[in-house]
Amino acid sequence: MASVAGAAAALASLSSSLLSKPSLSLIPIRTLPRLTCSLATSSSSQEFNITFAPPKPKPKPDSAELDQDALAGQLIIPWIVRGEDGNLKLQSHPPARFLQAIETKSKSAKKKKEGTEKRVPTAEPKYSKAARRFYNENFRDAEQRLSKVLAAAGVASRRSSEQLIFDGKVTVNGSVCNTPQTKVDPGRDIIYVNGNRIPKRLPPKVYLALNKPKGYICASGENKSVLGLFEDYLKTWDKRNSGVPRPRLFTVGRLDVATTGLIIVTNDGDFAQKISHPSSNLSKEYIAAIEGVVSKRHLLAISEGTSIDGVHCTPDSVELLPQQPDMPRPRLRIVVHEGRNHEVRELVKNAGLEIHSLKRVRIGGFRLPSDLGLGKHMDLKQGDLGALGWKS
């Protein structure tokens, strides 16, 4: 009871002090209904009436100014702050720290909004393979050199296609063309070779990795060519790619008839030229099984290199592999990057050793999968092509 009475007395004192200060700004407040607070006990009861501000005064009929007498009766809500002496006091304006906090928050929100509006992607978007293919087929300049178009269409190799053009066996839009560099578009131009029209749609680029068996050569059109290992692949091409011409496959580089292992097969001449050219600096790793015993002297002799076709060639590294129970012959890991004909065999022969078997297991960053059997092939994915230094 005493606490309620004390609160009521404090409220009445605050109201009277507010109304007694004419210097404070007057803030009109909308009218609220009268609130009645009552307290009843067994012995007595007490009631407090709390009246809020009257309605905002209207301008005088003959003037736009407010009625000052009515305005003086308006209730004001001042700021109650603690002064430097530690006591509470009333003031008509907000504290400085309050205004500063509002200003700081406003600036922070504005800066965040500006940063969001100015945010732009810094990296180029990565498009899917299907999106790039759609762009190449519909928007990219489709004109290419005539010899390249013939090779891509599977007529012959690029060099043989140039010879066909020189021999006058190729016509473009009804006229004989003798210039291999002539730009043509197979989708618009009518191209005939020996009386046969090449298809308007060129086959897609194909990239394959083959585990070459012993006894096969890499040249096309020969007996036991490695390309003969793709007969089943080409026979099922029409079922897998309805309406798309078959690709003309060829090997990237060569392995001699007695060497096994990794070789790349494709129909993309630019890709083949890129990874087989010495400027690509792609290393190639071989595993050589050796007849007899290998000593430190042999390893030093191989590492010093030898002359091949008048050029001194040295390997990147030579290593004697640990002996294995199922492989009685010593094995050497030899890494080269020159890629000259019979380079590894010449290095071993110059050291006084004889090779029993030779296998290539790696080109660049792509390694022959251990589960890929002899004579089997696999499609190269985008990551595999990147390991070979190629970006489609």
Protein backbone atom coordinates (compact mmCIF):
# COMPACT_ATOMS: atom_id res chain seq x y z
CA MET A 1 0.00 0.00 0.00
CA ALA A 2 2.80 2.36 0.89
CA SER A 3 4.69 1.60 -2.34
CA VAL A 4 1.62 2.32 -4.50
CA ALA A 5 1.00 5.58 -2.71
CA GLY A 6 4.65 6.55 -3.18
CA ALA A 7 4.50 5.84 -6.93
CA ALA A 8 1.37 7.91 -7.31
CA ALA A 9 2.94 10.81 -5.46
CA ALA A 10 6.08 10.66 -7.66
CA LEU A 11 3.94 10.68 -10.81
CA ALA A 12 1.97 13.69 -9.61
CA SER A 13 5.16 15.55 -8.72
CA LEU A 14 6.67 14.82 -12.17
CA SER A 15 3.52 16.05 -13.95
CA SER A 16 3.44 19.31 -12.02
CA SER A 17 7.13 19.97 -12.59
CA LEU A 18 6.80 19.39 -16.31
CA LEU A 19 3.90 21.74 -16.64
CA SER A 20 5.65 24.41 -14.61
CA LYS A 21 8.58 24.78 -17.09
CA PRO A 22 7.44 27.03 -19.95
CA SER A 23 10.90 26.98 -21.58
CA LEU A 24 10.66 23.36 -22.68
CA SER A 25 9.47 22.51 -26.18
CA LEU A 26 5.87 21.43 -26.39
CA ILE A 27 5.19 18.22 -28.27
CA PRO A 28 1.55 17.57 -29.13
CA ILE A 29 0.32 14.07 -28.33
CA ARG A 30 -2.84 12.45 -29.56
CA THR A 31 -5.68 12.15 -27.10
CA LEU A 32 -5.87 9.02 -24.99
CA PRO A 33 -8.83 8.04 -22.84
CA ARG A 34 -8.69 8.65 -19.10
CA LEU A 35 -7.15 5.79 -17.16
CA THR A 36 -8.33 5.02 -13.67
CA CYS A 37 -6.09 3.12 -11.29
CA SER A 38 -7.80 1.83 -8.15
CA LEU A 39 -6.44 -0.11 -5.19
CA ALA A 40 -8.72 -1.82 -2.71
CA THR A 41 -7.87 -3.50 0.56
CA SER A 42 -9.88 -4.86 3.43
CA SER A 43 -9.49 -1.64 5.41
CA SER A 44 -9.57 1.15 2.81
CA SER A 45 -9.51 1.95 -0.89
CA GLN A 46 -7.70 4.62 -2.91
CA GLU A 47 -8.25 5.80 -6.48
CA PHE A 48 -5.92 7.73 -8.82
CA ASN A 49 -7.06 9.53 -11.99
CA ILE A 50 -4.35 9.91 -14.72
CA THR A 51 -5.31 12.34 -17.47
CA PHE A 52 -3.19 12.60 -20.67
CA ALA A 53 -2.77 15.61 -22.97
CA PRO A 54 -5.80 17.25 -24.54
CA PRO A 55 -6.20 17.23 -28.35
CA LYS A 56 -3.87 19.29 -30.49
CA PRO A 57 -5.29 22.83 -30.72
CA LYS A 58 -6.65 23.98 -34.05
CA PRO A 59 -5.68 27.30 -35.69
CA LYS A 60 -7.81 30.33 -34.97
CA PRO A 61 -10.54 30.96 -37.52
CA ASP A 62 -9.02 34.25 -38.64
CA SER A 63 -5.35 33.17 -38.49
CA ALA A 64 -3.08 30.28 -39.40
CA GLU A 65 -1.35 30.47 -36.01
CA LEU A 66 -2.10 28.04 -33.22
CA ASP A 67 -3.94 29.11 -30.14
CA GLN A 68 -1.06 29.70 -27.69
CA ASP A 69 -3.34 29.46 -24.65
CA ALA A 70 -4.53 26.02 -25.70
CA LEU A 71 -0.99 25.02 -26.67
CA ALA A 72 0.27 25.86 -23.19
CA GLY A 73 -1.90 23.12 -21.80
CA GLN A 74 -0.25 20.44 -23.92
CA LEU A 75 1.73 17.76 -22.19
CA ILE A 76 5.44 17.63 -23.08
CA ILE A 77 7.70 14.60 -22.80
CA PRO A 78 11.22 15.72 -21.97
CA TRP A 79 14.43 13.71 -21.83
CA ILE A 80 15.46 12.52 -18.42
CA VAL A 81 19.24 12.31 -18.32
CA ARG A 82 21.88 11.98 -15.64
CA GLY A 83 24.06 15.04 -15.31
CA GLU A 84 27.75 15.26 -14.56
CA ASP A 85 26.92 15.56 -10.86
CA GLY A 86 25.21 12.18 -10.99
CA ASN A 87 21.68 13.53 -10.50
CA LEU A 88 18.76 13.09 -12.87
CA LYS A 89 17.51 16.16 -14.70
CA LEU A 90 15.06 17.11 -17.43
CA GLN A 91 16.00 18.56 -20.84
CA SER A 92 14.02 19.22 -24.02
CA HIS A 93 16.49 17.72 -26.51
CA PRO A 94 18.01 14.20 -26.80
CA PRO A 95 21.46 13.53 -25.30
CA ALA A 96 24.48 13.97 -27.58
CA ARG A 97 25.51 10.32 -27.29
CA PHE A 98 22.03 9.23 -28.43
CA LEU A 99 22.18 11.42 -31.55
CA GLN A 100 25.71 10.18 -32.29
CA ALA A 101 24.62 6.54 -32.02
CA ILE A 102 21.73 7.14 -34.44
CA GLU A 103 24.04 8.89 -36.91
CA THR A 104 26.62 6.07 -36.74
CA LYS A 105 23.96 3.41 -37.31
CA SER A 106 22.54 5.35 -40.26
CA LYS A 107 25.96 5.67 -41.90
CA SER A 108 26.68 1.95 -41.40
CA ALA A 109 23.37 0.94 -42.98
CA LYS A 110 23.97 3.29 -45.92
CA LYS A 111 27.49 1.93 -46.50
CA LYS A 112 26.22 -1.66 -46.37
CA LYS A 113 23.52 -0.85 -48.91
CA GLU A 114 25.99 0.83 -51.27
CA GLY A 115 28.37 -2.15 -50.99
CA THR A 116 25.56 -4.53 -51.91
CA GLU A 117 24.56 -2.43 -54.93
CA LYS A 118 28.13 -2.14 -56.24
CA ARG A 119 28.96 -5.83 -55.76
CA VAL A 120 29.78 -7.41 -59.13
CA PRO A 121 31.19 -10.84 -59.94
CA THR A 122 34.95 -10.71 -60.41
CA ALA A 123 35.47 -14.14 -61.97
CA GLU A 124 34.22 -15.16 -65.38
CA PRO A 125 31.22 -17.51 -65.20
CA LYS A 126 32.01 -21.12 -65.91
CA TYR A 127 29.73 -22.52 -68.59
CA SER A 128 28.89 -26.17 -69.00
CA LYS A 129 30.18 -28.25 -71.89
CA ALA A 130 26.69 -28.38 -73.39
CA ALA A 131 26.43 -24.57 -73.30
CA ARG A 132 29.80 -24.17 -75.03
CA ARG A 133 28.83 -26.69 -77.68
CA PHE A 134 25.55 -24.85 -78.31
CA TYR A 135 27.44 -21.58 -78.72
CA ASN A 136 29.99 -23.11 -81.08
CA GLU A 137 27.29 -24.68 -83.24
CA ASN A 138 25.02 -21.63 -83.43
CA PHE A 139 27.06 -18.46 -82.97
CA ARG A 140 30.73 -19.13 -83.53
CA ASP A 141 32.26 -18.50 -86.94
CA ALA A 142 31.93 -21.89 -88.65
CA GLU A 143 34.29 -21.18 -91.55
CA GLN A 144 37.44 -23.34 -91.57
CA ARG A 145 40.18 -24.25 -94.00
CA LEU A 146 39.03 -26.70 -96.65
CA SER A 147 41.75 -29.26 -95.89
CA LYS A 148 40.83 -29.20 -92.21
CA VAL A 149 37.13 -29.69 -92.98
CA LEU A 150 37.92 -32.70 -95.17
CA ALA A 151 40.10 -34.24 -92.47
CA ALA A 152 37.44 -33.63 -89.79
CA ALA A 153 34.80 -35.19 -92.04
CA GLY A 154 36.86 -38.37 -92.19
CA VAL A 155 37.85 -38.13 -95.84
CA ALA A 156 41.57 -38.56 -95.18
CA SER A 157 44.39 -37.12 -93.12
CA ARG A 158 45.04 -33.42 -93.49
CA ARG A 159 48.07 -33.98 -95.68
CA SER A 160 46.21 -36.47 -97.89
CA SER A 161 43.25 -34.06 -98.06
CA GLU A 162 45.59 -31.34 -99.34
CA GLN A 163 46.81 -33.70 -102.06
CA LEU A 164 43.21 -34.42 -103.09
CA ILE A 165 42.62 -30.67 -103.39
CA PHE A 166 45.77 -30.20 -105.47
CA ASP A 167 44.69 -33.03 -107.74
CA GLY A 168 41.41 -31.24 -108.49
CA LYS A 169 39.21 -33.89 -106.90
CA VAL A 170 37.40 -31.45 -104.61
CA THR A 171 34.61 -29.08 -105.64
CA VAL A 172 33.05 -26.28 -103.58
CA ASN A 173 29.62 -25.03 -104.68
CA GLY A 174 30.06 -26.61 -108.11
CA SER A 175 33.56 -25.26 -108.82
CA VAL A 176 36.86 -27.11 -108.55
CA CYS A 177 38.95 -25.79 -105.67
CA ASN A 178 42.74 -26.19 -105.75
CA THR A 179 43.57 -24.15 -102.63
CA PRO A 180 43.62 -26.01 -99.29
CA GLN A 181 43.48 -22.70 -97.39
CA THR A 182 40.08 -21.79 -98.84
CA LYS A 183 37.63 -20.98 -96.03
CA VAL A 184 34.42 -23.00 -96.19
CA ASP A 185 31.43 -23.72 -93.99
CA PRO A 186 30.21 -27.31 -94.37
CA GLY A 187 26.79 -26.25 -93.09
CA ARG A 188 26.28 -23.82 -95.97
CA ASP A 189 28.75 -24.77 -98.70
CA ILE A 190 28.25 -27.81 -100.95
CA ILE A 191 31.50 -29.80 -100.92
CA TYR A 192 32.17 -32.91 -103.03
CA VAL A 193 35.19 -35.22 -102.92
CA ASN A 194 35.53 -37.72 -105.77
CA GLY A 195 31.82 -37.26 -106.52
CA ASN A 196 30.72 -37.89 -102.95
CA ARG A 197 29.28 -35.09 -100.88
CA ILE A 198 30.65 -34.63 -97.38
CA PRO A 199 28.00 -34.27 -94.63
CA LYS A 200 26.89 -30.85 -93.49
CA ARG A 201 27.38 -31.74 -89.88
CA LEU A 202 30.90 -32.59 -88.77
CA PRO A 203 31.47 -35.26 -86.11
CA PRO A 204 32.17 -34.09 -82.55
CA LYS A 205 35.67 -34.10 -81.06
CA VAL A 206 36.65 -37.45 -79.60
CA TYR A 207 39.45 -38.04 -77.09
CA LEU A 208 40.41 -41.60 -76.12
CA ALA A 209 43.21 -43.27 -74.15
CA LEU A 210 44.30 -46.72 -75.38
CA ASN A 211 46.41 -49.36 -73.65
CA LYS A 212 48.31 -50.47 -76.73
CA PRO A 213 49.21 -54.17 -76.93
CA LYS A 214 52.49 -55.47 -78.32
CA GLY A 215 52.57 -56.19 -82.06
CA TYR A 216 50.35 -53.28 -83.16
CA ILE A 217 51.53 -50.30 -85.16
CA CYS A 218 50.23 -46.75 -84.95
CA ALA A 219 49.97 -46.00 -88.68
CA SER A 220 46.49 -46.10 -90.21
CA GLY A 221 45.61 -48.32 -93.13
CA GLU A 222 48.15 -51.01 -92.17
CA ASN A 223 47.67 -54.55 -90.93
CA LYS A 224 47.34 -54.78 -87.14
CA SER A 225 46.93 -51.04 -86.76
CA VAL A 226 45.86 -49.84 -83.33
CA LEU A 227 42.92 -48.16 -85.04
CA GLY A 228 41.56 -51.64 -85.78
CA LEU A 229 40.96 -51.95 -82.03
CA PHE A 230 38.20 -49.33 -82.39
CA GLU A 231 36.06 -51.23 -84.89
CA ASP A 232 33.40 -52.12 -82.33
CA TYR A 233 33.45 -48.53 -81.05
CA LEU A 234 32.75 -47.19 -84.54
CA LYS A 235 30.16 -49.87 -85.33
CA THR A 236 28.05 -48.78 -82.39
CA TRP A 237 28.58 -45.07 -83.13
CA ASP A 238 25.33 -44.72 -85.10
CA LYS A 239 23.31 -46.19 -82.23
CA ARG A 240 24.92 -43.87 -79.71
CA ASN A 241 24.99 -40.78 -81.95
CA SER A 242 22.05 -40.92 -84.32
CA GLY A 243 22.54 -38.76 -87.41
CA VAL A 244 26.10 -37.76 -86.50
CA PRO A 245 28.93 -38.75 -88.91
CA ARG A 246 31.60 -41.11 -87.63
CA PRO A 247 34.90 -39.52 -86.59
CA ARG A 248 38.15 -40.30 -88.40
CA LEU A 249 40.46 -41.45 -85.61
CA PHE A 250 44.24 -41.23 -85.54
CA THR A 251 46.93 -41.56 -82.90
CA VAL A 252 48.74 -38.70 -81.22
CA GLY A 253 52.40 -39.57 -81.70
CA ARG A 254 53.53 -43.15 -82.00
CA LEU A 255 54.75 -46.15 -80.08
CA ASP A 256 56.88 -48.71 -81.90
CA VAL A 257 55.45 -52.15 -82.58
CA ALA A 258 57.16 -53.76 -79.57
CA THR A 259 56.22 -51.06 -77.04
CA THR A 260 52.99 -51.27 -75.06
CA GLY A 261 51.07 -48.82 -72.92
CA LEU A 262 49.46 -45.42 -73.11
CA ILE A 263 48.70 -43.76 -76.43
CA ILE A 264 46.11 -41.06 -77.16
CA VAL A 265 43.63 -41.47 -80.03
CA THR A 266 41.52 -38.57 -81.32
CA ASN A 267 40.02 -36.83 -84.34
CA ASP A 268 41.07 -33.34 -83.20
CA GLY A 269 44.08 -32.20 -85.22
CA ASP A 270 44.67 -29.07 -83.15
CA PHE A 271 44.73 -31.13 -79.96
CA ALA A 272 47.15 -33.66 -81.49
CA GLN A 273 49.46 -30.91 -82.70
CA LYS A 274 49.40 -29.18 -79.33
CA ILE A 275 50.36 -32.10 -77.09
CA SER A 276 52.78 -33.75 -79.52
CA HIS A 277 54.75 -30.59 -80.29
CA PRO A 278 58.05 -30.22 -78.35
CA SER A 279 56.94 -26.80 -77.11
CA SER A 280 54.31 -28.49 -74.93
CA ASN A 281 57.21 -29.92 -72.88
CA LEU A 282 55.11 -32.88 -71.75
CA SER A 283 57.10 -35.53 -69.93
CA LYS A 284 56.58 -39.22 -70.73
CA GLU A 285 57.21 -42.00 -68.24
CA TYR A 286 58.27 -45.52 -69.27
CA ILE A 287 58.81 -48.77 -67.37
CA ALA A 288 61.55 -50.89 -68.95
CA ALA A 289 62.16 -54.54 -67.97
CA ILE A 290 65.88 -55.26 -68.44
CA GLU A 291 67.69 -58.47 -69.35
CA GLY A 292 70.54 -59.20 -66.93
CA VAL A 293 71.76 -57.20 -63.96
CA VAL A 294 71.55 -53.41 -63.60
CA SER A 295 74.34 -51.66 -61.73
CA LYS A 296 74.97 -48.08 -60.66
CA ARG A 297 77.29 -47.69 -63.64
CA HIS A 298 74.39 -48.41 -65.99
CA LEU A 299 72.19 -45.83 -64.30
CA LEU A 300 74.88 -43.17 -64.62
CA ALA A 301 75.38 -44.01 -68.30
CA ILE A 302 71.63 -43.65 -69.00
CA SER A 303 71.40 -40.36 -67.10
CA GLU A 304 74.28 -38.90 -69.14
CA GLY A 305 72.22 -39.39 -72.31
CA THR A 306 73.11 -40.26 -75.87
CA SER A 307 73.05 -38.77 -79.37
CA ILE A 308 69.93 -39.45 -81.49
CA ASP A 309 69.73 -38.10 -85.04
CA GLY A 310 72.57 -35.71 -84.27
CA VAL A 311 70.93 -34.33 -81.11
CA HIS A 312 72.17 -35.17 -77.62
CA CYS A 313 69.21 -36.38 -75.53
CA THR A 314 69.23 -36.80 -71.77
CA PRO A 315 66.39 -38.22 -69.67
CA ASP A 316 64.65 -36.24 -66.95
CA SER A 317 65.16 -39.04 -64.43
CA VAL A 318 66.27 -42.69 -64.17
CA GLU A 319 65.33 -44.95 -61.26
CA LEU A 320 65.82 -48.63 -60.46
CA LEU A 321 62.53 -49.96 -59.10
CA PRO A 322 62.38 -52.41 -56.17
CA GLN A 323 62.41 -56.10 -57.07
CA GLN A 324 59.03 -57.84 -57.03
CA PRO A 325 58.39 -61.60 -56.64
CA ASP A 326 56.22 -61.86 -59.77
CA MET A 327 58.69 -59.81 -61.85
CA PRO A 328 62.11 -61.48 -61.81
CA ARG A 329 63.75 -59.01 -64.19
CA PRO A 330 65.01 -55.63 -62.93
CA ARG A 331 62.85 -52.69 -63.95
CA LEU A 332 63.81 -49.11 -64.70
CA ARG A 333 61.58 -46.04 -64.54
CA ILE A 334 62.77 -43.60 -67.21
CA VAL A 335 61.18 -40.17 -67.76
CA VAL A 336 61.88 -38.22 -70.96
CA HIS A 337 60.38 -35.17 -72.63
CA GLU A 338 62.11 -35.00 -76.02
CA GLY A 339 59.88 -37.70 -77.48
CA ARG A 340 62.32 -38.66 -80.23
CA ASN A 341 61.96 -41.92 -82.10
CA HIS A 342 63.16 -44.91 -80.01
CA GLU A 343 64.62 -42.50 -77.46
CA VAL A 344 64.25 -44.77 -74.42
CA ARG A 345 65.55 -47.80 -76.27
CA GLU A 346 68.58 -45.85 -77.47
CA LEU A 347 69.34 -44.59 -73.94
CA VAL A 348 69.27 -48.11 -72.52
CA LYS A 349 71.23 -49.56 -75.42
CA ASN A 350 73.93 -46.88 -75.08
CA ALA A 351 74.38 -47.92 -71.42
CA GLY A 352 75.13 -51.51 -72.48
CA LEU A 353 71.78 -52.98 -71.45
CA GLU A 354 69.09 -54.86 -73.36
CA ILE A 355 65.38 -54.18 -73.01
CA HIS A 356 63.08 -57.16 -72.55
CA SER A 357 59.84 -55.14 -72.58
CA LEU A 358 58.93 -51.46 -72.61
CA LYS A 359 55.69 -49.80 -71.50
CA ARG A 360 54.61 -46.16 -71.42
CA VAL A 361 52.54 -45.41 -68.33
CA ARG A 362 52.20 -41.62 -68.29
CA ILE A 363 51.97 -38.58 -70.56
CA GLY A 364 52.11 -35.21 -68.83
CA GLY A 365 49.82 -35.37 -65.82
CA PHE A 366 47.68 -38.24 -67.14
CA ARG A 367 48.61 -41.75 -65.99
CA LEU A 368 47.40 -44.97 -67.60
CA PRO A 369 44.78 -46.51 -65.27
CA SER A 370 45.97 -49.75 -63.75
CA ASP A 371 42.63 -51.45 -64.46
CA LEU A 372 42.63 -50.63 -68.19
CA GLY A 373 43.47 -53.92 -69.90
CA LEU A 374 45.60 -54.38 -73.01
CA GLY A 375 43.70 -53.40 -76.14
CA LYS A 376 41.06 -51.51 -74.13
CA HIS A 377 40.33 -47.81 -74.31
CA MET A 378 38.54 -45.14 -72.27
CA ASP A 379 37.04 -41.72 -72.93
CA LEU A 380 39.11 -38.81 -71.63
CA LYS A 381 37.20 -36.41 -69.42
CA GLN A 382 37.77 -32.70 -69.09
CA GLY A 383 40.10 -33.20 -66.13
CA ASP A 384 42.15 -35.74 -68.08
CA LEU A 385 42.53 -33.31 -70.99
CA GLY A 386 43.62 -30.62 -68.53
CA ALA A 387 46.29 -33.00 -67.21
CA LEU A 388 47.54 -33.22 -70.79
CA GLY A 389 47.71 -29.44 -71.02
CA TRP A 390 44.63 -29.02 -73.21
CA LYS A 391 41.65 -26.73 -72.64
CA SER A 392 38.69 -27.25 -74.97
